[in-house]
Amino acid sequence: MKAMQIIQIIIAVALMVAVLLQNRGAGLSGVFGGSNNVYLAKRGFEKKLFVATIILSIIFFAISLAAIIL
């Protein structure tokens, strides 16, 4: 049970780092009318980070659900 909690904490920290490393996009410019409507495809490291964030969130959800059931 303790091992599952430690793994959950490690995954949570990795997920926070992955989310914080992602590009912010528009930020506050949309609030003040300076909207930039250019769509840029994710490539290279940005795409890998995006996929890693999704995978980490799925793993975190699965571990949390397993901790509740057990």
N, C-alpha and C. Protein backbone atom coordinates (compact mmCIF):
# COMPACT_ATOMS: atom_id res chain seq x y z
N MET A 1 0.82 -1.18 0.00
CA MET A 1 0.00 0.00 0.00
C MET A 1 0.87 1.26 0.00
N LYS A 2 1.96 1.24 0.78
CA LYS A 2 2.87 2.39 0.81
C LYS A 2 3.56 2.58 -0.54
N ALA A 3 3.88 1.49 -1.21
CA ALA A 3 4.55 1.59 -2.51
C ALA A 3 3.63 2.27 -3.53
N MET A 4 2.35 1.97 -3.47
CA MET A 4 1.41 2.58 -4.39
C MET A 4 1.30 4.09 -4.14
N GLN A 5 1.36 4.49 -2.88
CA GLN A 5 1.30 5.92 -2.56
C GLN A 5 2.55 6.65 -3.03
N ILE A 6 3.70 6.00 -2.88
CA ILE A 6 4.95 6.61 -3.35
C ILE A 6 4.95 6.75 -4.86
N ILE A 7 4.48 5.70 -5.56
CA ILE A 7 4.39 5.76 -7.02
C ILE A 7 3.42 6.86 -7.44
N GLN A 8 2.31 6.99 -6.73
CA GLN A 8 1.32 8.02 -7.05
C GLN A 8 1.91 9.43 -6.87
N ILE A 9 2.71 9.63 -5.84
CA ILE A 9 3.34 10.93 -5.62
C ILE A 9 4.35 11.22 -6.73
N ILE A 10 5.13 10.23 -7.13
CA ILE A 10 6.12 10.41 -8.19
C ILE A 10 5.43 10.75 -9.51
N ILE A 11 4.35 10.03 -9.83
CA ILE A 11 3.59 10.31 -11.06
C ILE A 11 2.97 11.70 -10.99
N ALA A 12 2.47 12.10 -9.83
CA ALA A 12 1.86 13.42 -9.68
C ALA A 12 2.88 14.53 -9.91
N VAL A 13 4.08 14.38 -9.38
CA VAL A 13 5.13 15.38 -9.58
C VAL A 13 5.54 15.42 -11.05
N ALA A 14 5.68 14.25 -11.67
CA ALA A 14 6.04 14.21 -13.09
C ALA A 14 4.95 14.85 -13.96
N LEU A 15 3.70 14.62 -13.60
CA LEU A 15 2.58 15.23 -14.33
C LEU A 15 2.58 16.74 -14.18
N MET A 16 2.84 17.24 -12.98
CA MET A 16 2.91 18.69 -12.77
C MET A 16 4.04 19.31 -13.59
N VAL A 17 5.19 18.65 -13.62
CA VAL A 17 6.32 19.16 -14.40
C VAL A 17 5.98 19.17 -15.89
N ALA A 18 5.34 18.11 -16.37
CA ALA A 18 4.98 18.04 -17.78
C ALA A 18 3.98 19.12 -18.16
N VAL A 19 3.03 19.40 -17.30
CA VAL A 19 2.04 20.45 -17.59
C VAL A 19 2.71 21.83 -17.56
N LEU A 20 3.59 22.06 -16.61
CA LEU A 20 4.24 23.37 -16.50
C LEU A 20 5.23 23.63 -17.62
N LEU A 21 5.79 22.58 -18.22
CA LEU A 21 6.74 22.76 -19.31
C LEU A 21 6.07 23.06 -20.65
N GLN A 22 4.78 22.83 -20.75
CA GLN A 22 4.10 23.04 -22.02
C GLN A 22 3.99 24.52 -22.33
N ASN A 23 3.90 24.81 -23.63
CA ASN A 23 3.79 26.19 -24.09
C ASN A 23 2.46 26.77 -23.65
N ARG A 24 2.47 28.01 -23.22
CA ARG A 24 1.28 28.63 -22.68
C ARG A 24 0.26 29.00 -23.76
N GLY A 25 0.66 29.21 -25.00
CA GLY A 25 -0.29 29.56 -26.05
C GLY A 25 -0.63 31.03 -26.01
N ALA A 26 -1.91 31.37 -25.92
CA ALA A 26 -2.36 32.76 -26.01
C ALA A 26 -2.10 33.53 -24.73
N GLY A 27 -2.23 32.91 -23.59
CA GLY A 27 -2.03 33.60 -22.33
C GLY A 27 -3.10 34.64 -22.09
N LEU A 28 -2.70 35.82 -21.64
CA LEU A 28 -3.64 36.89 -21.33
C LEU A 28 -3.94 37.77 -22.54
N SER A 29 -3.31 37.51 -23.68
CA SER A 29 -3.55 38.37 -24.84
C SER A 29 -4.99 38.28 -25.33
N GLY A 30 -5.63 37.13 -25.16
CA GLY A 30 -7.02 36.98 -25.57
C GLY A 30 -7.97 37.82 -24.73
N VAL A 31 -7.60 38.08 -23.48
CA VAL A 31 -8.45 38.88 -22.59
C VAL A 31 -8.48 40.33 -23.06
N PHE A 32 -7.34 40.83 -23.54
CA PHE A 32 -7.24 42.23 -23.92
C PHE A 32 -7.44 42.47 -25.40
N GLY A 33 -7.92 41.48 -26.14
CA GLY A 33 -8.25 41.66 -27.55
C GLY A 33 -7.12 41.37 -28.51
N GLY A 34 -5.98 41.01 -28.04
CA GLY A 34 -4.86 40.72 -28.93
C GLY A 34 -4.80 39.26 -29.31
N SER A 35 -5.91 38.72 -29.74
CA SER A 35 -6.01 37.30 -30.04
C SER A 35 -5.16 36.92 -31.24
N ASN A 36 -4.40 35.87 -31.10
CA ASN A 36 -3.58 35.35 -32.19
C ASN A 36 -4.20 34.04 -32.64
N ASN A 37 -4.85 34.03 -33.77
CA ASN A 37 -5.60 32.86 -34.23
C ASN A 37 -4.81 31.95 -35.15
N VAL A 38 -3.50 31.89 -34.99
CA VAL A 38 -2.67 31.04 -35.83
C VAL A 38 -2.56 29.67 -35.16
N TYR A 39 -2.91 28.63 -35.90
CA TYR A 39 -2.82 27.27 -35.36
C TYR A 39 -1.46 26.69 -35.72
N LEU A 40 -0.72 26.29 -34.73
CA LEU A 40 0.58 25.69 -34.96
C LEU A 40 0.53 24.22 -34.57
N ALA A 41 1.01 23.36 -35.45
CA ALA A 41 1.04 21.93 -35.16
C ALA A 41 2.16 21.64 -34.17
N LYS A 42 1.92 20.69 -33.30
CA LYS A 42 2.94 20.30 -32.34
C LYS A 42 3.95 19.41 -33.05
N ARG A 43 5.23 19.73 -32.88
CA ARG A 43 6.29 18.95 -33.51
C ARG A 43 7.43 18.75 -32.52
N GLY A 44 8.15 17.68 -32.72
CA GLY A 44 9.35 17.42 -31.94
C GLY A 44 9.09 17.23 -30.46
N PHE A 45 9.86 17.96 -29.66
CA PHE A 45 9.79 17.82 -28.21
C PHE A 45 8.42 18.22 -27.68
N GLU A 46 7.80 19.22 -28.28
CA GLU A 46 6.50 19.68 -27.82
C GLU A 46 5.44 18.58 -27.97
N LYS A 47 5.51 17.84 -29.07
CA LYS A 47 4.55 16.74 -29.29
C LYS A 47 4.80 15.60 -28.31
N LYS A 48 6.09 15.28 -28.09
CA LYS A 48 6.42 14.22 -27.14
C LYS A 48 5.98 14.58 -25.72
N LEU A 49 6.14 15.86 -25.37
CA LEU A 49 5.72 16.31 -24.05
C LEU A 49 4.21 16.25 -23.91
N PHE A 50 3.48 16.58 -24.97
CA PHE A 50 2.02 16.52 -24.98
C PHE A 50 1.55 15.08 -24.79
N VAL A 51 2.16 14.15 -25.52
CA VAL A 51 1.79 12.73 -25.40
C VAL A 51 2.16 12.20 -24.02
N ALA A 52 3.32 12.60 -23.52
CA ALA A 52 3.74 12.16 -22.18
C ALA A 52 2.78 12.66 -21.11
N THR A 53 2.25 13.88 -21.28
CA THR A 53 1.29 14.43 -20.32
C THR A 53 0.02 13.60 -20.32
N ILE A 54 -0.45 13.22 -21.49
CA ILE A 54 -1.65 12.39 -21.58
C ILE A 54 -1.42 11.02 -20.94
N ILE A 55 -0.29 10.42 -21.24
CA ILE A 55 0.02 9.09 -20.68
C ILE A 55 0.16 9.16 -19.16
N LEU A 56 0.85 10.19 -18.66
CA LEU A 56 0.99 10.34 -17.21
C LEU A 56 -0.35 10.56 -16.52
N SER A 57 -1.24 11.31 -17.17
CA SER A 57 -2.56 11.54 -16.55
C SER A 57 -3.38 10.25 -16.52
N ILE A 58 -3.27 9.43 -17.55
CA ILE A 58 -3.99 8.15 -17.56
C ILE A 58 -3.43 7.23 -16.48
N ILE A 59 -2.10 7.18 -16.36
CA ILE A 59 -1.48 6.34 -15.33
C ILE A 59 -1.87 6.84 -13.93
N PHE A 60 -1.86 8.16 -13.74
CA PHE A 60 -2.23 8.72 -12.44
C PHE A 60 -3.67 8.38 -12.09
N PHE A 61 -4.56 8.50 -13.07
CA PHE A 61 -5.97 8.16 -12.84
C PHE A 61 -6.12 6.69 -12.49
N ALA A 62 -5.42 5.81 -13.21
CA ALA A 62 -5.52 4.38 -12.96
C ALA A 62 -4.99 4.02 -11.56
N ILE A 63 -3.88 4.60 -11.17
CA ILE A 63 -3.32 4.32 -9.85
C ILE A 63 -4.24 4.85 -8.75
N SER A 64 -4.82 6.03 -8.96
CA SER A 64 -5.74 6.58 -7.98
C SER A 64 -6.98 5.71 -7.83
N LEU A 65 -7.49 5.23 -8.94
CA LEU A 65 -8.66 4.36 -8.91
C LEU A 65 -8.33 3.03 -8.23
N ALA A 66 -7.15 2.50 -8.50
CA ALA A 66 -6.72 1.25 -7.86
C ALA A 66 -6.55 1.44 -6.35
N ALA A 67 -6.06 2.61 -5.94
CA ALA A 67 -5.89 2.88 -4.52
C ALA A 67 -7.25 2.96 -3.81
N ILE A 68 -8.24 3.51 -4.49
CA ILE A 68 -9.58 3.57 -3.89
C ILE A 68 -10.19 2.18 -3.77
N ILE A 69 -10.04 1.37 -4.80
CA ILE A 69 -10.63 0.02 -4.81
C ILE A 69 -9.94 -0.87 -3.77
N LEU A 70 -8.63 -0.77 -3.67
CA LEU A 70 -7.90 -1.61 -2.71
C LEU A 70 -7.99 -0.99 -1.36
